Amino acid sequence: MSSTSFAKKTFKSIKGSAQKALHRSLDQHVKLAVTGLSGSGKTAFITALVKHLTTQSDDKNLPFFDVMREHRHIATKVVPQEALKVPTFDYPRALNALLPTDGMPTWPASTERINTLRLAIKYQSASGLRGHFSPQSTLYLDIIDYPGEWLLDLPMLEQSYSQWCEQQYPLLLQHPRVNTSTEFLNAFEQLDLNAPVDEGLLAHIAALYQSMLVGLKKDTKLAMLQPGRMLMPGDLQGAPLLLFFPVNAQHIKSDEVVPGSNLAHLIKRFNAYVKEVVKPFYNEHFKHFDRQIVLVDVLSALNEGHETLQEQSSVINQLLAHFNYGESGFFKRLFKPNIDKILFAANKSDHISAKHHKDLALLLDSLVHEQSNHLKFDGVQIETMAMSSIAATQPRQVADKGQTLDCIYGKPLNEQDWLTYLPPQPPKRMLNKNEWPAQGFEFLSFAPMPNPDKQLKHIRLDHVMQYLLGDKLS
């Protein structure tokens, strides 16, 4: 081989290696936190997102997602995740619930533990530096999912046991908790906080408190149910770490806590729970997020009345407050500067008529307004949207007495018959108690619709994907 040929071959090899290295450096990683309170639709959202991205024909189903509309999406596949100690999101099981081979579809089971999924999205670069050096690029998307109940423990990181009791105990005396807290409160009244610790008695009262929380989760949409691990304890079931409960804060004086007493043990267990359960969870899994979607089931809260919606608003704002600390604040270090976009999504918009979707978005915006302004000041982009990851109804127009009514058609959850239904109009903002309609609100919940074409219908999921990922796929 001549020296000229060897030089050309060497140059070509070096050039190829450099291009590969540059291609790797231009590949992107986005870590998406899918958050929301219990029942907000996190599992359905992740399933729909993965289904649409991994289906080749979905450029027609996602018209407002630029990479699809411009036919630049090449392919997406699930790839091995890096978090080897975290379970993988069970996408096949969730998809099979929504698109069964036989029988009626059902909503996938709620999240009961933290899990994650990694997608590799290969696409044609549109322009810019990436497009100049590499016509094809890959975005690695890590989707993080976890129980909404665990999210509620976040404020406990900055609370003492006394402060936690000041917040939680009064709730037990108010509607609607007062209807279910009687047995726990009666047992607590018999407890001598200053007596030598009786672990059996504390375990009994803690079990009553846990039973009350589980009942409230099952029968209501109340948001402030702590500690979250009492609702989904996993391997902590029965552990002394969970055997605590709130007491009347008037009984707590830090300088008078008797060592070895029932109160001393409750304080010890609360502190241990925060230190050994809550703090490690957020330290290990709540770092380095790039994007976040917060799903909110506003309609179910409206059904239950002013108190439930007000509590949901309060909880969401408490959680948002943890994104808004000064430079020395714990959560400032934990989140910023990684998260630069947050989307607040009022899910299940298909449960109302399309002309009221804007009202639903405005209502959610009013619920999160208290803290969103601070987040914007910190440089975080905020968007609020009404959407449905999976549409469970179809729009129907019905003529009635010379008027055209915008109705929806579907099968109410846990019922056999399908019906055409005229849903009420949600308020455009948070109402005070005096403004609340006497008849309240009644929004039906619907089962997923059969899809013979094996596709999942949605409302504005493409808008969601464009907002969260569009700039990363340019």
Protein backbone atom coordinates (compact mmCIF):
# COMPACT_ATOMS: atom_id res chain seq x y z
CA MET A 1 0.00 0.00 0.00
CA SER A 2 1.36 3.40 -1.01
CA SER A 3 1.93 6.07 1.61
CA THR A 4 -0.77 8.18 -0.04
CA SER A 5 -3.35 5.40 0.14
CA PHE A 6 -2.38 4.63 3.73
CA ALA A 7 -2.76 8.32 4.64
CA LYS A 8 -6.17 8.49 2.98
CA LYS A 9 -7.30 5.34 4.77
CA THR A 10 -5.99 6.61 8.12
CA PHE A 11 -7.66 9.98 7.64
CA LYS A 12 -10.94 8.30 6.74
CA SER A 13 -10.72 6.08 9.82
CA ILE A 14 -9.95 9.03 12.10
CA LYS A 15 -12.77 11.03 10.53
CA GLY A 16 -15.19 8.14 11.04
CA SER A 17 -14.17 7.74 14.68
CA ALA A 18 -14.52 11.47 15.25
CA GLN A 19 -17.98 11.46 13.71
CA LYS A 20 -19.04 8.55 15.93
CA ALA A 21 -17.71 10.29 19.03
CA LEU A 22 -19.49 13.49 18.03
CA HIS A 23 -22.66 11.56 17.35
CA ARG A 24 -22.51 10.05 20.83
CA SER A 25 -21.91 13.47 22.35
CA LEU A 26 -24.90 14.89 20.50
CA ASP A 27 -27.23 12.13 21.66
CA GLN A 28 -29.40 13.40 24.46
CA HIS A 29 -30.78 12.14 27.73
CA VAL A 30 -34.00 13.43 29.26
CA LYS A 31 -35.26 12.27 32.64
CA LEU A 32 -39.02 12.76 32.89
CA ALA A 33 -40.80 12.69 36.26
CA VAL A 34 -44.39 11.55 35.95
CA THR A 35 -45.99 12.80 39.15
CA GLY A 36 -49.49 13.16 40.48
CA LEU A 37 -51.74 12.30 43.36
CA SER A 38 -53.31 8.86 43.65
CA GLY A 39 -55.73 8.07 40.83
CA SER A 40 -54.51 10.88 38.58
CA GLY A 41 -53.72 8.53 35.67
CA LYS A 42 -49.92 8.17 35.80
CA THR A 43 -49.84 4.53 34.65
CA ALA A 44 -52.25 5.19 31.78
CA PHE A 45 -50.20 8.22 30.71
CA ILE A 46 -46.93 6.27 30.56
CA THR A 47 -48.59 3.40 28.72
CA ALA A 48 -50.11 5.73 26.12
CA LEU A 49 -46.83 7.62 25.68
CA VAL A 50 -44.87 4.42 25.05
CA LYS A 51 -47.55 2.97 22.78
CA HIS A 52 -47.67 6.02 20.52
CA LEU A 53 -43.90 6.39 20.32
CA THR A 54 -43.31 2.73 19.49
CA THR A 55 -46.06 2.53 16.84
CA GLN A 56 -44.73 3.40 13.41
CA SER A 57 -48.04 4.69 12.02
CA ASP A 58 -48.56 7.25 14.77
CA ASP A 59 -47.40 10.22 12.74
CA LYS A 60 -51.10 10.65 11.85
CA ASN A 61 -52.25 10.27 15.45
CA LEU A 62 -49.87 12.92 16.83
CA PRO A 63 -50.31 15.87 14.44
CA PHE A 64 -49.04 18.50 16.90
CA PHE A 65 -45.85 16.60 17.75
CA ASP A 66 -43.36 18.14 15.33
CA VAL A 67 -41.06 15.14 14.94
CA MET A 68 -44.08 13.04 13.91
CA ARG A 69 -45.79 15.64 11.75
CA GLU A 70 -42.56 16.30 9.86
CA HIS A 71 -41.98 12.55 9.41
CA ARG A 72 -38.60 12.78 11.15
CA HIS A 73 -39.33 10.05 13.67
CA ILE A 74 -37.48 6.91 12.62
CA ALA A 75 -38.22 4.43 15.41
CA THR A 76 -38.52 4.12 19.18
CA LYS A 77 -37.80 1.07 21.30
CA VAL A 78 -37.52 0.13 24.95
CA VAL A 79 -33.89 -0.32 25.95
CA PRO A 80 -32.23 -1.53 29.18
CA GLN A 81 -32.32 1.03 31.96
CA GLU A 82 -29.35 2.16 34.03
CA ALA A 83 -31.13 1.98 37.41
CA LEU A 84 -30.58 -1.73 37.93
CA LYS A 85 -32.03 -1.73 41.46
CA VAL A 86 -35.34 -0.18 40.35
CA PRO A 87 -38.08 -2.36 38.81
CA THR A 88 -38.92 -1.78 35.18
CA PHE A 89 -42.32 -0.30 34.39
CA ASP A 90 -44.54 -3.22 33.36
CA TYR A 91 -45.61 -1.83 30.01
CA PRO A 92 -46.80 -5.15 28.49
CA ARG A 93 -49.19 -5.80 31.40
CA ALA A 94 -50.56 -2.24 31.33
CA LEU A 95 -51.04 -2.35 27.57
CA ASN A 96 -52.76 -5.73 27.74
CA ALA A 97 -55.28 -4.29 30.22
CA LEU A 98 -56.14 -1.50 27.78
CA LEU A 99 -55.93 -3.59 24.59
CA PRO A 100 -56.83 -7.15 25.66
CA THR A 101 -56.82 -10.00 23.17
CA ASP A 102 -60.31 -10.87 24.38
CA GLY A 103 -62.82 -9.37 26.77
CA MET A 104 -63.42 -5.76 27.71
CA PRO A 105 -60.54 -3.37 28.38
CA THR A 106 -59.83 -2.19 31.91
CA TRP A 107 -57.71 0.54 33.41
CA PRO A 108 -54.24 -0.74 34.36
CA ALA A 109 -53.48 -1.22 38.04
CA SER A 110 -52.22 1.81 39.93
CA THR A 111 -48.54 2.28 40.68
CA GLU A 112 -47.53 0.59 43.93
CA ARG A 113 -43.76 1.11 43.85
CA ILE A 114 -41.20 3.22 42.09
CA ASN A 115 -40.36 2.00 38.60
CA THR A 116 -38.70 3.32 35.51
CA LEU A 117 -38.49 2.77 31.78
CA ARG A 118 -35.93 3.88 29.20
CA LEU A 119 -36.83 4.62 25.61
CA ALA A 120 -34.41 5.21 22.74
CA ILE A 121 -36.03 7.60 20.24
CA LYS A 122 -34.20 7.69 16.91
CA TYR A 123 -35.07 10.64 14.71
CA GLN A 124 -33.92 12.67 11.74
CA SER A 125 -32.24 15.88 12.88
CA ALA A 126 -34.00 18.98 11.59
CA SER A 127 -31.29 21.63 11.68
CA GLY A 128 -28.60 23.16 13.82
CA LEU A 129 -25.31 21.70 15.00
CA ARG A 130 -26.75 18.23 15.53
CA GLY A 131 -28.22 18.10 12.04
CA HIS A 132 -24.99 19.35 10.46
CA PHE A 133 -22.76 16.67 11.94
CA SER A 134 -25.21 13.80 12.28
CA PRO A 135 -28.34 13.40 10.13
CA GLN A 136 -29.72 10.93 12.67
CA SER A 137 -29.77 11.35 16.44
CA THR A 138 -31.07 9.43 19.43
CA LEU A 139 -32.87 10.79 22.46
CA TYR A 140 -32.80 8.54 25.52
CA LEU A 141 -35.89 9.14 27.58
CA ASP A 142 -35.97 7.89 31.18
CA ILE A 143 -39.52 7.84 32.54
CA ILE A 144 -39.79 7.79 36.33
CA ASP A 145 -43.05 6.67 37.93
CA TYR A 146 -43.91 6.19 41.59
CA PRO A 147 -46.98 6.04 43.84
CA GLY A 148 -48.72 9.35 44.32
CA GLU A 149 -49.13 8.46 47.98
CA TRP A 150 -45.36 8.60 48.48
CA LEU A 151 -45.25 12.04 46.94
CA LEU A 152 -47.40 13.32 49.80
CA ASP A 153 -44.61 12.61 52.31
CA LEU A 154 -42.40 15.25 50.72
CA PRO A 155 -43.36 18.10 53.14
CA MET A 156 -42.47 15.87 56.11
CA LEU A 157 -38.80 16.39 55.30
CA GLU A 158 -39.02 19.86 56.80
CA GLN A 159 -41.40 19.13 59.67
CA SER A 160 -40.82 18.10 63.25
CA TYR A 161 -43.22 15.61 64.80
CA SER A 162 -44.94 18.47 66.61
CA GLN A 163 -45.37 20.46 63.39
CA TRP A 164 -46.69 17.39 61.60
CA CYS A 165 -49.25 16.84 64.37
CA GLU A 166 -50.31 20.50 64.21
CA GLN A 167 -51.17 19.96 60.56
CA GLN A 168 -52.64 16.45 60.66
CA TYR A 169 -54.56 16.11 63.92
CA PRO A 170 -57.05 18.97 63.34
CA LEU A 171 -57.99 17.40 59.99
CA LEU A 172 -59.35 14.38 61.87
CA LEU A 173 -61.94 16.60 63.56
CA GLN A 174 -63.17 18.13 60.30
CA HIS A 175 -65.50 16.97 57.54
CA PRO A 176 -65.17 14.51 55.88
CA ARG A 177 -62.54 12.75 58.06
CA VAL A 178 -64.59 13.12 61.23
CA ASN A 179 -67.01 10.52 59.83
CA THR A 180 -64.31 7.82 59.87
CA SER A 181 -61.88 8.90 62.59
CA THR A 182 -64.05 8.16 65.64
CA GLU A 183 -62.54 4.76 66.48
CA PHE A 184 -58.99 6.07 66.22
CA LEU A 185 -59.76 9.21 68.24
CA ASN A 186 -61.46 7.19 70.98
CA ALA A 187 -58.45 4.91 71.27
CA PHE A 188 -56.08 7.86 71.34
CA GLU A 189 -58.05 9.51 74.14
CA GLN A 190 -57.32 6.46 76.31
CA LEU A 191 -53.57 6.70 75.66
CA ASP A 192 -51.35 8.22 78.33
CA LEU A 193 -48.59 9.85 76.31
CA ASN A 194 -46.33 10.21 79.34
CA ALA A 195 -46.69 6.60 80.52
CA PRO A 196 -43.87 4.09 79.90
CA VAL A 197 -43.99 2.90 76.32
CA ASP A 198 -46.54 0.18 75.56
CA GLU A 199 -45.55 -1.04 72.11
CA GLY A 200 -48.61 -3.28 71.82
CA LEU A 201 -50.94 -0.38 72.49
CA LEU A 202 -49.10 1.92 70.09
CA ALA A 203 -49.28 -0.78 67.41
CA HIS A 204 -53.03 -1.15 67.99
CA ILE A 205 -53.71 2.59 67.69
CA ALA A 206 -51.41 2.86 64.67
CA ALA A 207 -53.37 0.04 63.01
CA LEU A 208 -56.60 1.98 63.58
CA TYR A 209 -55.03 5.07 62.06
CA GLN A 210 -53.77 3.08 59.07
CA SER A 211 -57.17 1.49 58.56
CA MET A 212 -58.74 4.95 58.58
CA LEU A 213 -56.25 6.21 55.96
CA VAL A 214 -56.83 3.20 53.72
CA GLY A 215 -60.59 3.71 53.97
CA LEU A 216 -60.28 7.39 53.08
CA LYS A 217 -58.12 6.54 50.07
CA LYS A 218 -60.66 3.97 48.90
CA ASP A 219 -63.78 6.08 49.40
CA THR A 220 -62.62 9.67 48.82
CA LYS A 221 -60.29 11.82 46.77
CA LEU A 222 -58.71 13.50 49.79
CA ALA A 223 -55.12 14.41 49.04
CA MET A 224 -53.42 14.84 52.43
CA LEU A 225 -53.07 11.26 53.67
CA GLN A 226 -49.81 10.77 55.57
CA PRO A 227 -47.65 8.83 55.97
CA GLY A 228 -47.85 7.54 52.40
CA ARG A 229 -46.24 4.21 53.24
CA MET A 230 -49.20 3.36 55.45
CA LEU A 231 -51.24 3.24 52.25
CA MET A 232 -48.65 1.20 50.35
CA PRO A 233 -46.23 -0.17 52.94
CA GLY A 234 -44.59 -2.87 50.83
CA ASP A 235 -41.82 -4.53 52.85
CA LEU A 236 -42.42 -2.07 55.70
CA GLN A 237 -45.75 -3.67 56.62
CA GLY A 238 -45.78 -4.16 60.40
CA ALA A 239 -42.37 -2.57 60.93
CA PRO A 240 -42.07 -0.33 64.04
CA LEU A 241 -40.99 2.42 61.66
CA LEU A 242 -44.63 2.77 60.55
CA LEU A 243 -46.20 2.47 63.99
CA PHE A 244 -46.81 6.16 64.60
CA PHE A 245 -49.74 8.54 64.27
CA PRO A 246 -50.58 12.20 64.92
CA VAL A 247 -51.58 13.36 68.39
CA ASN A 248 -53.06 16.56 69.70
CA ALA A 249 -50.13 18.95 69.43
CA GLN A 250 -51.26 20.69 72.62
CA HIS A 251 -49.98 17.64 74.50
CA ILE A 252 -46.45 18.07 73.11
CA LYS A 253 -43.92 20.23 74.88
CA SER A 254 -40.42 19.46 73.70
CA ASP A 255 -38.83 20.30 77.02
CA GLU A 256 -41.19 17.99 78.89
CA VAL A 257 -41.03 14.79 76.85
CA VAL A 258 -40.51 11.92 79.26
CA PRO A 259 -37.71 9.59 78.10
CA GLY A 260 -39.02 6.09 77.36
CA SER A 261 -42.62 7.28 77.22
CA ASN A 262 -45.24 6.61 74.56
CA LEU A 263 -44.76 10.14 73.23
CA ALA A 264 -40.98 9.76 73.10
CA HIS A 265 -41.40 6.61 70.99
CA LEU A 266 -43.85 8.29 68.62
CA ILE A 267 -41.36 11.12 68.09
CA LYS A 268 -38.54 8.62 67.61
CA ARG A 269 -40.51 6.65 65.02
CA PHE A 270 -41.57 9.76 63.11
CA ASN A 271 -37.96 10.96 62.93
CA ALA A 272 -36.77 7.52 61.86
CA TYR A 273 -39.43 7.35 59.13
CA VAL A 274 -38.35 10.69 57.70
CA LYS A 275 -34.65 9.84 57.93
CA GLU A 276 -34.72 6.22 56.77
CA VAL A 277 -37.66 6.18 54.33
CA VAL A 278 -38.59 9.60 53.00
CA LYS A 279 -35.18 11.27 52.72
CA PRO A 280 -33.36 8.36 50.99
CA PHE A 281 -36.26 7.95 48.57
CA TYR A 282 -36.02 11.55 47.39
CA ASN A 283 -32.23 11.65 47.50
CA GLU A 284 -31.97 8.56 45.31
CA HIS A 285 -34.79 9.17 42.87
CA PHE A 286 -35.51 12.89 42.77
CA LYS A 287 -32.26 14.21 41.38
CA HIS A 288 -31.34 15.29 37.88
CA PHE A 289 -34.85 15.54 36.46
CA ASP A 290 -35.04 17.51 33.24
CA ARG A 291 -38.79 17.65 32.69
CA GLN A 292 -41.85 17.00 34.82
CA ILE A 293 -45.53 16.42 34.22
CA VAL A 294 -47.95 16.75 37.14
CA LEU A 295 -51.24 14.95 36.45
CA VAL A 296 -54.31 16.13 38.38
CA ASP A 297 -57.77 14.55 38.52
CA VAL A 298 -59.70 17.77 39.11
CA LEU A 299 -63.12 16.35 38.18
CA SER A 300 -63.15 13.71 40.93
CA ALA A 301 -62.23 16.34 43.50
CA LEU A 302 -65.07 18.56 42.26
CA ASN A 303 -67.48 15.66 42.79
CA GLU A 304 -66.64 15.47 46.48
CA GLY A 305 -67.13 19.14 47.24
CA HIS A 306 -65.38 22.31 48.26
CA GLU A 307 -63.30 20.81 51.08
CA THR A 308 -61.76 18.10 48.90
CA LEU A 309 -60.92 20.47 46.05
CA GLN A 310 -59.48 22.98 48.51
CA GLU A 311 -57.33 20.25 50.07
CA GLN A 312 -56.11 19.16 46.66
CA SER A 313 -55.14 22.75 45.86
CA SER A 314 -53.38 23.09 49.21
CA VAL A 315 -51.43 19.87 48.76
CA ILE A 316 -50.33 20.71 45.22
CA ASN A 317 -49.12 24.12 46.35
CA GLN A 318 -47.28 22.59 49.29
CA LEU A 319 -45.48 20.30 46.89
CA LEU A 320 -44.72 23.15 44.51
CA ALA A 321 -43.33 25.20 47.38
CA HIS A 322 -40.45 22.76 47.60
CA PHE A 323 -39.25 23.90 44.20
CA ASN A 324 -38.95 27.46 45.45
CA TYR A 325 -36.28 27.68 48.12
CA GLY A 326 -33.25 29.95 48.30
CA GLU A 327 -29.82 28.78 47.28
CA SER A 328 -29.26 27.07 50.64
CA GLY A 329 -32.65 25.32 50.60
CA PHE A 330 -32.71 21.53 50.43
CA PHE A 331 -35.08 21.21 47.49
CA LYS A 332 -33.40 23.98 45.55
CA ARG A 333 -30.25 21.88 45.53
CA LEU A 334 -32.29 18.77 44.79
CA PHE A 335 -34.15 20.00 41.73
CA LYS A 336 -32.61 23.13 40.26
CA PRO A 337 -31.21 23.74 37.70
CA ASN A 338 -32.23 20.43 36.16
CA ILE A 339 -35.99 20.87 35.75
CA ASP A 340 -36.63 23.61 33.23
CA LYS A 341 -40.17 22.69 32.17
CA ILE A 342 -43.21 21.62 34.17
CA LEU A 343 -46.58 20.75 32.68
CA PHE A 344 -49.67 20.71 34.88
CA ALA A 345 -52.22 18.50 33.15
CA ALA A 346 -55.89 18.26 34.08
CA ASN A 347 -56.36 14.66 33.02
CA LYS A 348 -59.58 12.93 31.92
CA SER A 349 -60.76 15.89 29.86
CA ASP A 350 -62.72 13.40 27.71
CA HIS A 351 -65.14 13.11 30.66
CA ILE A 352 -66.56 16.56 29.77
CA SER A 353 -67.57 18.14 26.49
CA ALA A 354 -64.81 19.64 24.36
CA LYS A 355 -66.17 23.18 24.66
CA HIS A 356 -65.41 23.10 28.41
CA HIS A 357 -61.81 21.88 28.15
CA LYS A 358 -60.54 25.44 28.45
CA ASP A 359 -62.60 25.90 31.62
CA LEU A 360 -60.94 22.81 33.12
CA ALA A 361 -57.47 24.13 32.27
CA LEU A 362 -58.31 27.52 33.80
CA LEU A 363 -59.54 25.82 36.96
CA LEU A 364 -56.31 23.85 37.33
CA ASP A 365 -54.32 27.00 36.66
CA SER A 366 -56.11 28.70 39.54
CA LEU A 367 -55.28 25.74 41.80
CA VAL A 368 -51.53 25.97 41.15
CA HIS A 369 -51.26 29.72 40.71
CA GLU A 370 -50.00 30.31 44.25
CA GLN A 371 -46.60 28.80 43.50
CA SER A 372 -46.33 28.80 39.69
CA ASN A 373 -45.34 32.47 39.64
CA HIS A 374 -42.38 31.72 41.90
CA LEU A 375 -41.31 28.86 39.67
CA LYS A 376 -41.45 31.11 36.62
CA PHE A 377 -39.28 33.65 38.44
CA ASP A 378 -36.73 30.88 39.00
CA GLY A 379 -36.60 30.27 35.25
CA VAL A 380 -38.88 27.23 35.09
CA GLN A 381 -41.29 27.18 32.15
CA ILE A 382 -44.86 26.44 33.25
CA GLU A 383 -47.79 25.24 31.13
CA THR A 384 -51.29 24.19 32.16
CA MET A 385 -53.41 22.00 29.91
CA ALA A 386 -56.56 19.88 29.81
CA MET A 387 -55.83 16.50 28.22
CA SER A 388 -56.60 12.79 28.24
CA SER A 389 -53.81 10.27 27.82
CA ILE A 390 -56.47 7.77 26.81
CA ALA A 391 -59.89 8.93 25.66
CA ALA A 392 -62.60 6.74 27.20
CA THR A 393 -65.56 8.53 25.58
CA GLN A 394 -66.74 9.80 22.21
CA PRO A 395 -68.34 13.21 21.56
CA ARG A 396 -72.02 13.14 20.66
CA GLN A 397 -74.40 15.95 19.71
CA VAL A 398 -78.02 15.56 20.78
CA ALA A 399 -80.94 17.69 19.62
CA ASP A 400 -83.28 18.64 22.45
CA LYS A 401 -86.15 21.14 22.19
CA GLY A 402 -84.51 23.00 19.33
CA GLN A 403 -81.10 23.08 21.00
CA THR A 404 -77.97 21.11 20.18
CA LEU A 405 -76.36 19.63 23.28
CA ASP A 406 -72.69 18.66 23.36
CA CYS A 407 -72.73 15.28 25.08
CA ILE A 408 -70.33 12.38 25.50
CA TYR A 409 -70.89 8.65 24.97
CA GLY A 410 -69.25 5.87 26.96
CA LYS A 411 -69.62 3.12 29.54
CA PRO A 412 -69.59 4.39 33.13
CA LEU A 413 -67.03 2.66 35.32
CA ASN A 414 -68.32 -0.53 37.01
CA GLU A 415 -71.59 -0.43 35.05
CA GLN A 416 -72.83 -2.59 32.18
CA ASP A 417 -74.81 -0.14 30.05
CA TRP A 418 -73.43 2.48 27.71
CA LEU A 419 -75.00 5.91 27.80
CA THR A 420 -75.03 9.33 26.22
CA TYR A 421 -74.44 11.87 28.95
CA LEU A 422 -74.49 15.65 29.27
CA PRO A 423 -71.73 16.50 31.77
CA PRO A 424 -71.86 19.69 33.84
CA GLN A 425 -69.58 22.63 33.15
CA PRO A 426 -66.60 22.86 35.52
CA PRO A 427 -65.91 26.26 37.10
CA LYS A 428 -63.20 28.39 35.53
CA ARG A 429 -61.54 29.09 38.89
CA MET A 430 -61.48 27.90 42.46
CA LEU A 431 -64.82 28.73 44.08
CA ASN A 432 -65.17 29.76 47.69
CA LYS A 433 -67.63 27.88 49.88
CA ASN A 434 -70.41 30.45 49.41
CA GLU A 435 -70.11 30.20 45.63
CA TRP A 436 -70.29 26.42 45.57
CA PRO A 437 -73.52 25.24 43.84
CA ALA A 438 -76.05 23.73 46.22
CA GLN A 439 -76.42 20.63 44.07
CA GLY A 440 -72.65 20.22 43.79
CA PHE A 441 -71.04 18.59 40.77
CA GLU A 442 -71.49 15.13 39.32
CA PHE A 443 -68.93 14.03 36.75
CA LEU A 444 -69.08 10.36 35.79
CA SER A 445 -66.02 8.14 35.51
CA PHE A 446 -65.75 5.93 32.44
CA ALA A 447 -64.15 2.60 31.59
CA PRO A 448 -61.75 2.52 28.63
CA MET A 449 -63.36 1.95 25.25
CA PRO A 450 -62.71 -1.14 23.12
CA ASN A 451 -60.32 -0.40 20.27
CA PRO A 452 -60.56 -3.00 17.50
CA ASP A 453 -57.77 -1.23 15.59
CA LYS A 454 -55.47 -1.71 18.63
CA GLN A 455 -54.83 2.03 18.84
CA LEU A 456 -55.29 4.25 21.88
CA LYS A 457 -57.28 7.42 21.27
CA HIS A 458 -56.18 10.54 23.16
CA ILE A 459 -56.86 14.23 23.62
CA ARG A 460 -53.84 16.54 23.33
CA LEU A 461 -51.26 13.92 24.18
CA ASP A 462 -49.37 15.20 21.13
CA HIS A 463 -49.42 18.72 22.64
CA VAL A 464 -48.02 17.26 25.85
CA MET A 465 -45.24 15.43 24.00
CA GLN A 466 -44.36 18.51 21.98
CA TYR A 467 -44.13 20.67 25.10
CA LEU A 468 -42.03 18.19 27.07
CA LEU A 469 -39.84 16.76 24.28
CA GLY A 470 -40.23 18.82 21.11
CA ASP A 471 -37.14 21.00 21.61
CA LYS A 472 -35.05 17.90 22.34
CA LEU A 473 -36.04 16.31 19.03
CA SER A 474 -35.25 19.22 16.72
